[in-house]
Amino acid sequence: MRKLVLWVVLSFVAGSAFAATGARARLDAFANGLHALRGNFSQTVYDAHGNITGSSHGLLALQAPRLFRWQVTDPYQQLIVADGKKVWVYEPDLEQVTVRDQGSEEAHSPLTVLTDLSQLDGEFKTTDAGAREGLEWLRLVSRSKEPQFEYAEIGFDATGPRRMIFKDTLGNRTEIAFSGWERNPQLAADTFKFVPPQGTDVVGDTDTKP
């Protein structure tokens, strides 16, 4: 489950405050002037039969174009930090952190294209998926020859994105609900930095490429 959580984080995008109609119009409006975001998330994962296989809650922060922090606080502890060059995945209960170059898993993700809308139509086929549950939905289908998900949908209300749904190629579904948005907050300088605690097992390459 935690690997799925990691991929969802790397595919994550979140919003701002605006008044627009239609999912694509709301997306365009939310991206205008957005450079940082902070809020809360609640995530539920379902298998192909609709059974819940896991859930988690926590805090997130984003800063355009490539910085993010995803902190699971319940029911387990996990911290994912992308600093623009590396992605750090820290598992306190295992006393282990995995590190890799940032870029491979986000190459075709909503995170990068939705903070740079000039890439959106090149990376995804987008369609308005209509209104349901009080939200306007935008569906994204990757143009990649080997997509990591069947589709993603973002649900917008009048103030911004409130939900995301991912369906992977095996039929599993991840739903994320967002709350408590702070648009363009003043984030601490170390928000997107990670230093492995003493005694932590580091797996991966910590060298920074020029």
Protein backbone atom coordinates (compact mmCIF):
# COMPACT_ATOMS: atom_id res chain seq x y z
CA MET A 1 0.00 0.00 0.00
CA ARG A 2 2.76 2.46 0.87
CA LYS A 3 4.25 2.16 -2.63
CA LEU A 4 0.86 3.14 -4.00
CA VAL A 5 0.75 6.07 -1.58
CA LEU A 6 4.15 7.20 -2.85
CA TRP A 7 3.03 7.15 -6.47
CA VAL A 8 -0.12 9.10 -5.64
CA VAL A 9 1.97 11.75 -3.91
CA LEU A 10 4.25 12.10 -6.91
CA SER A 11 1.15 12.42 -9.06
CA PHE A 12 -0.49 14.94 -6.81
CA VAL A 13 -1.72 18.45 -7.64
CA ALA A 14 -3.72 20.85 -5.48
CA GLY A 15 -5.37 24.18 -5.80
CA SER A 16 -6.37 27.72 -5.00
CA ALA A 17 -9.41 29.93 -4.66
CA PHE A 18 -11.36 31.02 -7.73
CA ALA A 19 -14.81 31.27 -9.23
CA ALA A 20 -15.15 29.58 -12.62
CA THR A 21 -17.49 27.14 -14.29
CA GLY A 22 -16.49 23.84 -15.87
CA ALA A 23 -13.65 21.68 -14.64
CA ARG A 24 -11.03 22.85 -17.17
CA ALA A 25 -11.94 26.50 -16.57
CA ARG A 26 -11.58 25.96 -12.84
CA LEU A 27 -8.23 24.28 -13.34
CA ASP A 28 -6.95 27.18 -15.45
CA ALA A 29 -8.18 29.64 -12.83
CA PHE A 30 -6.68 27.78 -9.87
CA ALA A 31 -3.23 27.59 -11.48
CA ASN A 32 -3.13 31.34 -12.09
CA GLY A 33 -0.72 32.91 -9.61
CA LEU A 34 -0.27 29.77 -7.51
CA HIS A 35 3.26 29.21 -6.27
CA ALA A 36 2.78 27.51 -2.88
CA LEU A 37 0.09 25.60 -1.04
CA ARG A 38 -0.46 23.98 2.34
CA GLY A 39 -3.33 21.82 3.57
CA ASN A 40 -4.63 18.48 4.87
CA PHE A 41 -5.41 15.22 3.12
CA SER A 42 -7.42 12.08 3.79
CA GLN A 43 -6.73 9.10 1.54
CA THR A 44 -8.58 5.81 1.02
CA VAL A 45 -7.40 2.94 -1.18
CA TYR A 46 -9.80 0.39 -2.70
CA ASP A 47 -9.07 -2.87 -4.49
CA ALA A 48 -10.61 -3.87 -7.83
CA HIS A 49 -13.65 -5.26 -5.99
CA GLY A 50 -14.33 -2.04 -4.10
CA ASN A 51 -12.98 -3.25 -0.75
CA ILE A 52 -11.03 -0.78 1.37
CA THR A 53 -7.41 -1.89 1.68
CA GLY A 54 -6.02 1.08 3.55
CA SER A 55 -6.53 4.67 4.64
CA SER A 56 -4.33 7.47 5.90
CA HIS A 57 -4.42 11.12 6.94
CA GLY A 58 -1.86 13.85 7.11
CA LEU A 59 -0.44 17.19 6.01
CA LEU A 60 0.95 18.39 2.72
CA ALA A 61 2.84 21.36 1.30
CA LEU A 62 3.68 22.24 -2.30
CA GLN A 63 5.83 24.86 -3.91
CA ALA A 64 6.02 25.26 -7.68
CA PRO A 65 7.37 23.75 -9.70
CA ARG A 66 8.96 20.65 -8.14
CA LEU A 67 8.96 20.88 -4.35
CA PHE A 68 6.56 18.99 -2.10
CA ARG A 69 6.18 17.52 1.34
CA TRP A 70 3.66 14.77 2.14
CA GLN A 71 3.48 13.75 5.79
CA VAL A 72 1.31 10.81 6.87
CA THR A 73 0.39 11.19 10.54
CA ASP A 74 -2.22 8.45 11.00
CA PRO A 75 -2.46 5.43 11.24
CA TYR A 76 1.30 5.17 10.61
CA GLN A 77 4.14 7.64 10.22
CA GLN A 78 5.66 8.37 6.82
CA LEU A 79 7.35 11.41 5.32
CA ILE A 80 7.95 12.05 1.62
CA VAL A 81 10.01 15.10 0.65
CA ALA A 82 10.93 16.17 -2.87
CA ASP A 83 13.63 18.83 -2.86
CA GLY A 84 13.84 19.41 -6.62
CA LYS A 85 16.69 16.94 -7.13
CA LYS A 86 15.96 14.01 -4.84
CA VAL A 87 12.88 12.29 -3.43
CA TRP A 88 13.25 11.08 0.16
CA VAL A 89 10.82 8.50 1.57
CA TYR A 90 11.27 8.16 5.33
CA GLU A 91 9.72 5.27 7.29
CA PRO A 92 10.30 6.03 11.00
CA ASP A 93 8.99 2.64 12.17
CA LEU A 94 11.56 0.90 9.95
CA GLU A 95 14.29 3.46 10.71
CA GLN A 96 14.86 3.59 6.97
CA VAL A 97 14.87 6.24 4.25
CA THR A 98 14.85 5.54 0.52
CA VAL A 99 16.29 8.19 -1.78
CA ARG A 100 16.27 8.46 -5.56
CA ASP A 101 16.65 11.09 -8.26
CA GLN A 102 13.53 13.17 -8.68
CA GLY A 103 11.97 12.85 -12.07
CA SER A 104 11.43 9.23 -13.12
CA GLU A 105 8.06 8.63 -11.47
CA GLU A 106 6.75 12.14 -12.04
CA ALA A 107 7.53 12.37 -15.76
CA HIS A 108 3.89 11.82 -16.69
CA SER A 109 2.17 12.93 -13.51
CA PRO A 110 -0.45 15.59 -12.83
CA LEU A 111 1.95 17.19 -10.33
CA THR A 112 4.38 18.55 -12.91
CA VAL A 113 1.97 19.36 -15.73
CA LEU A 114 -0.61 21.05 -13.55
CA THR A 115 1.92 23.42 -12.06
CA ASP A 116 2.96 24.17 -15.65
CA LEU A 117 -0.18 24.11 -17.76
CA SER A 118 1.83 24.54 -20.96
CA GLN A 119 2.68 20.81 -20.61
CA LEU A 120 -0.83 19.64 -19.82
CA ASP A 121 -2.20 18.85 -23.26
CA GLY A 122 1.11 17.34 -24.33
CA GLU A 123 1.20 14.89 -21.42
CA PHE A 124 -2.51 14.13 -21.04
CA LYS A 125 -5.78 13.84 -22.88
CA THR A 126 -8.18 15.91 -20.79
CA THR A 127 -11.96 15.89 -20.82
CA ASP A 128 -14.63 17.45 -18.64
CA ALA A 129 -16.23 14.50 -16.83
CA GLY A 130 -19.33 16.42 -15.79
CA ALA A 131 -20.79 17.23 -12.40
CA ARG A 132 -21.42 14.77 -9.59
CA GLU A 133 -21.45 14.89 -5.82
CA GLY A 134 -21.48 18.69 -5.97
CA LEU A 135 -18.16 18.88 -7.84
CA GLU A 136 -17.04 19.55 -11.41
CA TRP A 137 -14.73 16.75 -12.56
CA LEU A 138 -11.79 16.82 -14.96
CA ARG A 139 -10.49 13.48 -16.29
CA LEU A 140 -6.84 13.01 -17.28
CA VAL A 141 -5.57 10.09 -19.35
CA SER A 142 -1.81 9.81 -19.85
CA ARG A 143 -0.45 9.86 -23.40
CA SER A 144 2.47 7.68 -22.26
CA LYS A 145 2.90 4.32 -24.01
CA GLU A 146 3.26 2.72 -20.57
CA PRO A 147 0.92 4.73 -18.30
CA GLN A 148 1.04 4.12 -14.57
CA PHE A 149 -2.70 4.69 -14.18
CA GLU A 150 -5.82 4.17 -16.28
CA TYR A 151 -7.08 7.65 -15.48
CA ALA A 152 -7.06 10.36 -12.85
CA GLU A 153 -9.92 12.69 -12.00
CA ILE A 154 -9.86 15.97 -10.11
CA GLY A 155 -13.08 17.25 -8.52
CA PHE A 156 -13.46 21.03 -8.11
CA ASP A 157 -15.88 23.09 -6.09
CA ALA A 158 -16.16 26.88 -6.31
CA THR A 159 -13.05 27.36 -4.15
CA GLY A 160 -10.67 24.80 -5.64
CA PRO A 161 -9.95 21.08 -5.97
CA ARG A 162 -11.52 19.02 -3.20
CA ARG A 163 -11.00 15.44 -4.33
CA MET A 164 -8.79 13.31 -6.56
CA ILE A 165 -9.42 9.81 -7.83
CA PHE A 166 -6.80 7.54 -9.38
CA LYS A 167 -7.59 4.21 -11.01
CA ASP A 168 -4.57 2.08 -11.80
CA THR A 169 -4.22 -0.44 -14.58
CA LEU A 170 -5.12 -3.31 -12.21
CA GLY A 171 -8.43 -1.74 -11.22
CA ASN A 172 -7.34 -0.44 -7.81
CA ARG A 173 -8.68 3.01 -6.91
CA THR A 174 -7.26 5.70 -4.65
CA GLU A 175 -9.42 8.59 -3.45
CA ILE A 176 -7.98 11.68 -1.77
CA ALA A 177 -9.99 14.42 -0.06
CA PHE A 178 -8.40 17.82 0.64
CA SER A 179 -9.23 20.41 3.29
CA GLY A 180 -7.84 23.47 5.05
CA TRP A 181 -6.09 24.99 2.06
CA GLU A 182 -3.71 27.91 2.64
CA ARG A 183 -2.90 29.57 -0.67
CA ASN A 184 0.65 30.92 -1.14
CA PRO A 185 1.64 30.61 2.56
CA GLN A 186 5.04 31.63 3.83
CA LEU A 187 6.70 28.22 4.13
CA ALA A 188 9.71 27.61 6.36
CA ALA A 189 13.04 27.29 4.56
CA ASP A 190 13.48 23.67 5.68
CA THR A 191 10.01 22.52 4.56
CA PHE A 192 11.44 20.81 1.49
CA LYS A 193 14.73 19.63 2.96
CA PHE A 194 15.41 16.25 4.53
CA VAL A 195 18.37 15.11 6.59
CA PRO A 196 18.31 11.44 7.65
CA PRO A 197 18.17 11.12 11.46
CA GLN A 198 21.21 9.57 13.08
CA GLY A 199 21.07 5.77 12.94
CA THR A 200 18.69 5.69 9.96
CA ASP A 201 19.45 3.19 7.20
CA VAL A 202 19.75 5.06 3.89
CA VAL A 203 18.88 3.10 0.75
CA GLY A 204 19.70 4.67 -2.61
CA ASP A 205 22.03 7.27 -4.05
CA THR A 206 22.42 10.47 -2.04
CA ASP A 207 24.93 12.02 -4.46
CA THR A 208 23.59 15.08 -6.25
CA LYS A 209 24.22 15.15 -9.97
CA PRO A 210 25.46 18.44 -11.45
